[in-house]
C-alpha atoms as a PDB file:
ATOM      1  CA  MET A   1     -38.342  -1.322  17.552  1.00  0.00           C
ATOM      2  CA  SER A   2     -40.095  -4.692  17.325  1.00  0.00           C
ATOM      3  CA  LYS A   3     -43.104  -5.609  19.397  1.00  0.00           C
ATOM      4  CA  LEU A   4     -42.832  -8.310  22.025  1.00  0.00           C
ATOM      5  CA  ILE A   5     -45.451 -11.032  22.077  1.00  0.00           C
ATOM      6  CA  ALA A   6     -46.513 -13.075  25.076  1.00  0.00           C
ATOM      7  CA  LYS A   7     -48.672 -16.159  24.844  1.00  0.00           C
ATOM      8  CA  GLY A   8     -50.364 -18.291  27.437  1.00  0.00           C
ATOM      9  CA  ILE A   9     -48.539 -21.559  28.014  1.00  0.00           C
ATOM     10  CA  TYR A  10     -50.457 -24.586  29.247  1.00  0.00           C
ATOM     11  CA  GLN A  11     -48.610 -26.403  32.038  1.00  0.00           C
ATOM     12  CA  HIS A  12     -49.893 -29.150  34.342  1.00  0.00           C
ATOM     13  CA  GLY A  13     -53.544 -28.159  34.051  1.00  0.00           C
ATOM     14  CA  TYR A  14     -52.942 -24.437  34.537  1.00  0.00           C
ATOM     15  CA  ASP A  15     -52.496 -21.653  32.027  1.00  0.00           C
ATOM     16  CA  ASN A  16     -49.629 -19.258  32.627  1.00  0.00           C
ATOM     17  CA  LEU A  17     -49.142 -16.044  30.762  1.00  0.00           C
ATOM     18  CA  GLU A  18     -45.373 -15.658  30.456  1.00  0.00           C
ATOM     19  CA  PHE A  19     -43.488 -12.658  29.154  1.00  0.00           C
ATOM     20  CA  THR A  20     -40.439 -10.484  29.671  1.00  0.00           C
ATOM     21  CA  LEU A  21     -40.768  -6.868  30.761  1.00  0.00           C
ATOM     22  CA  PRO A  22     -38.112  -4.252  30.005  1.00  0.00           C
ATOM     23  CA  VAL A  23     -37.156  -2.344  33.164  1.00  0.00           C
ATOM     24  CA  ILE A  24     -35.048   0.808  33.276  1.00  0.00           C
ATOM     25  CA  LEU A  25     -32.642   1.475  36.158  1.00  0.00           C
ATOM     26  CA  PHE A  26     -31.578   5.047  36.816  1.00  0.00           C
ATOM     27  CA  ASN A  27     -30.487   7.304  39.658  1.00  0.00           C
ATOM     28  CA  GLU A  28     -32.612  10.113  40.974  1.00  0.00           C
ATOM     29  CA  GLY A  29     -30.403  11.888  43.463  1.00  0.00           C
ATOM     30  CA  THR A  30     -29.091   9.196  45.810  1.00  0.00           C
ATOM     31  CA  THR A  31     -31.951   6.796  45.052  1.00  0.00           C
ATOM     32  CA  MET A  32     -31.878   4.031  42.442  1.00  0.00           C
ATOM     33  CA  ILE A  33     -35.182   3.678  40.544  1.00  0.00           C
ATOM     34  CA  ALA A  34     -36.355   0.557  38.682  1.00  0.00           C
ATOM     35  CA  TYR A  35     -39.129   1.637  36.282  1.00  0.00           C
ATOM     36  CA  CYS A  36     -41.202  -0.440  33.871  1.00  0.00           C
ATOM     37  CA  PRO A  37     -42.789   1.918  31.333  1.00  0.00           C
ATOM     38  CA  LEU A  38     -45.039  -0.802  29.870  1.00  0.00           C
ATOM     39  CA  LEU A  39     -46.879  -1.112  33.196  1.00  0.00           C
ATOM     40  CA  ASP A  40     -46.029   2.336  34.598  1.00  0.00           C
ATOM     41  CA  LEU A  41     -44.699   0.715  37.781  1.00  0.00           C
ATOM     42  CA  SER A  42     -41.556   1.502  39.720  1.00  0.00           C
ATOM     43  CA  GLY A  43     -39.568   0.409  42.724  1.00  0.00           C
ATOM     44  CA  TYR A  44     -36.674   2.110  44.431  1.00  0.00           C
ATOM     45  CA  GLY A  45     -33.787   1.537  46.797  1.00  0.00           C
ATOM     46  CA  ILE A  46     -30.352   2.643  47.847  1.00  0.00           C
ATOM     47  CA  ASP A  47     -28.710   0.422  45.230  1.00  0.00           C
ATOM     48  CA  GLU A  48     -29.504  -1.695  42.169  1.00  0.00           C
ATOM     49  CA  THR A  49     -30.346  -4.824  44.162  1.00  0.00           C
ATOM     50  CA  SER A  50     -32.768  -3.095  46.514  1.00  0.00           C
ATOM     51  CA  ALA A  51     -34.417  -1.222  43.612  1.00  0.00           C
ATOM     52  CA  LYS A  52     -34.950  -4.501  41.721  1.00  0.00           C
ATOM     53  CA  ASP A  53     -36.311  -6.178  44.873  1.00  0.00           C
ATOM     54  CA  SER A  54     -38.662  -3.254  45.452  1.00  0.00           C
ATOM     55  CA  PHE A  55     -39.836  -3.402  41.841  1.00  0.00           C
ATOM     56  CA  ARG A  56     -40.605  -7.134  42.150  1.00  0.00           C
ATOM     57  CA  ILE A  57     -42.724  -6.428  45.241  1.00  0.00           C
ATOM     58  CA  VAL A  58     -44.636  -3.652  43.442  1.00  0.00           C
ATOM     59  CA  LEU A  59     -45.112  -5.850  40.360  1.00  0.00           C
ATOM     60  CA  GLY A  60     -46.377  -8.737  42.495  1.00  0.00           C
ATOM     61  CA  GLU A  61     -48.818  -6.478  44.341  1.00  0.00           C
ATOM     62  CA  PHE A  62     -50.083  -5.028  41.057  1.00  0.00           C
ATOM     63  CA  ILE A  63     -50.664  -8.489  39.584  1.00  0.00           C
ATOM     64  CA  ASN A  64     -52.300  -9.879  42.750  1.00  0.00           C
ATOM     65  CA  TYR A  65     -54.612  -6.888  43.115  1.00  0.00           C
ATOM     66  CA  ALA A  66     -55.608  -6.884  39.438  1.00  0.00           C
ATOM     67  CA  LEU A  67     -56.313 -10.630  39.418  1.00  0.00           C
ATOM     68  CA  GLU A  68     -58.243 -10.545  42.713  1.00  0.00           C
ATOM     69  CA  HIS A  69     -60.382  -7.616  41.543  1.00  0.00           C
ATOM     70  CA  ASP A  70     -60.765  -8.944  37.981  1.00  0.00           C
ATOM     71  CA  THR A  71     -59.185  -5.820  36.475  1.00  0.00           C
ATOM     72  CA  PHE A  72     -56.047  -7.348  34.965  1.00  0.00           C
ATOM     73  CA  GLU A  73     -57.316  -7.371  31.375  1.00  0.00           C
ATOM     74  CA  SER A  74     -58.804  -3.867  31.541  1.00  0.00           C
ATOM     75  CA  GLU A  75     -55.648  -2.477  33.152  1.00  0.00           C
ATOM     76  CA  LEU A  76     -53.426  -3.921  30.419  1.00  0.00           C
ATOM     77  CA  LYS A  77     -55.728  -2.448  27.767  1.00  0.00           C
ATOM     78  CA  ARG A  78     -55.643   0.948  29.523  1.00  0.00           C
ATOM     79  CA  LEU A  79     -51.845   0.811  29.315  1.00  0.00           C
ATOM     80  CA  GLY A  80     -51.937   0.148  25.548  1.00  0.00           C
ATOM     81  CA  TRP A  81     -51.605  -3.651  25.521  1.00  0.00           C
ATOM     82  CA  LYS A  82     -53.634  -5.758  23.090  1.00  0.00           C
ATOM     83  CA  VAL A  83     -55.396  -8.618  24.827  1.00  0.00           C
ATOM     84  CA  SER A  84     -57.000 -11.572  23.044  1.00  0.00           C
ATOM     85  CA  THR A  85     -59.358 -13.683  25.094  1.00  0.00           C
ATOM     86  CA  GLY A  86     -60.917 -17.093  24.727  1.00  0.00           C
ATOM     87  CA  LYS A  87     -64.295 -18.026  26.139  1.00  0.00           C
ATOM     88  CA  THR A  88     -63.202 -17.706  29.753  1.00  0.00           C
ATOM     89  CA  ARG A  89     -59.612 -16.498  29.923  1.00  0.00           C
ATOM     90  CA  ILE A  90     -56.825 -14.470  28.373  1.00  0.00           C
ATOM     91  CA  ARG A  91     -55.154 -16.359  25.521  1.00  0.00           C
ATOM     92  CA  LYS A  92     -52.542 -13.915  24.256  1.00  0.00           C
ATOM     93  CA  VAL A  93     -51.235 -10.438  25.018  1.00  0.00           C
ATOM     94  CA  GLU A  94     -49.229  -8.091  22.845  1.00  0.00           C
ATOM     95  CA  MET A  95     -47.179  -5.427  24.552  1.00  0.00           C
ATOM     96  CA  PRO A  96     -47.279  -1.897  23.205  1.00  0.00           C
ATOM     97  CA  ASP A  97     -44.336  -0.755  21.131  1.00  0.00           C
ATOM     98  CA  ILE A  98     -41.900   0.533  23.735  1.00  0.00           C
ATOM     99  CA  SER A  99     -40.818   3.493  21.597  1.00  0.00           C
ATOM    100  CA  ASN A 100     -44.438   4.734  21.595  1.00  0.00           C
ATOM    101  CA  VAL A 101     -44.574   4.387  25.376  1.00  0.00           C
ATOM    102  CA  PHE A 102     -41.355   6.406  25.739  1.00  0.00           C
ATOM    103  CA  SER A 103     -42.626   9.173  23.494  1.00  0.00           C
ATOM    104  CA  LYS A 104     -45.829   9.552  25.575  1.00  0.00           C
ATOM    105  CA  ASN A 105     -43.919   9.998  28.840  1.00  0.00           C
ATOM    106  CA  PRO A 106     -41.803  13.189  28.718  1.00  0.00           C
ATOM    107  CA  LYS A 107     -39.655  12.302  31.739  1.00  0.00           C
ATOM    108  CA  VAL A 108     -38.779   8.838  30.412  1.00  0.00           C
ATOM    109  CA  HIS A 109     -38.273  10.222  26.908  1.00  0.00           C
ATOM    110  CA  SER A 110     -35.790  12.782  28.273  1.00  0.00           C
ATOM    111  CA  LEU A 111     -34.018  10.124  30.345  1.00  0.00           C
ATOM    112  CA  MET A 112     -33.662   7.849  27.321  1.00  0.00           C
ATOM    113  CA  LYS A 113     -32.230  10.679  25.197  1.00  0.00           C
ATOM    114  CA  HIS A 114     -30.006  12.449  27.705  1.00  0.00           C
ATOM    115  CA  GLY A 115     -29.746  10.443  30.907  1.00  0.00           C
ATOM    116  CA  SER A 116     -27.669   7.649  32.239  1.00  0.00           C
ATOM    117  CA  PHE A 117     -29.593   4.403  32.640  1.00  0.00           C
ATOM    118  CA  GLN A 118     -29.371   0.631  32.407  1.00  0.00           C
ATOM    119  CA  LYS A 119     -31.996  -1.742  31.045  1.00  0.00           C
ATOM    120  CA  TYR A 120     -32.731  -5.221  32.280  1.00  0.00           C
ATOM    121  CA  ASP A 121     -35.461  -7.760  31.564  1.00  0.00           C
ATOM    122  CA  GLU A 122     -37.802  -9.063  34.245  1.00  0.00           C
ATOM    123  CA  ARG A 123     -39.424 -12.456  33.495  1.00  0.00           C
ATOM    124  CA  VAL A 124     -43.050 -12.707  34.568  1.00  0.00           C
ATOM    125  CA  SER A 125     -45.342 -15.718  34.821  1.00  0.00           C
ATOM    126  CA  ILE A 126     -48.976 -15.063  35.702  1.00  0.00           C
ATOM    127  CA  PRO A 127     -51.528 -17.817  36.348  1.00  0.00           C
ATOM    128  CA  VAL A 128     -54.627 -17.168  34.263  1.00  0.00           C
ATOM    129  CA  HIS A 129     -57.664 -19.272  35.173  1.00  0.00           C
END
């Protein structure tokens, strides 16, 4: 599976790091789960819409917390991302190969082999100062 690359894009005096995250939707009992293995984040709800909404809230909280506490770069590296920095800010990130992420998580690996799931892409734009 090919690696996905994200690069900072300069817009109107601000740098934004823009990329697309793969998210897996699956049922666990009567609950719909939206899980992003590349960030190890999940949201949930009674249906697909509420699970996606919950995931967006969790993703937003993760990003806000990591940026406010200056841990965004170290957290991405901990999760297997490659981060290239300039003098003062992140310039480029490379996501880990998703097949490697699946193989390291037994539950997700089993779901991908034997379970019923859907995949969707979540676009993300993060201001990097």
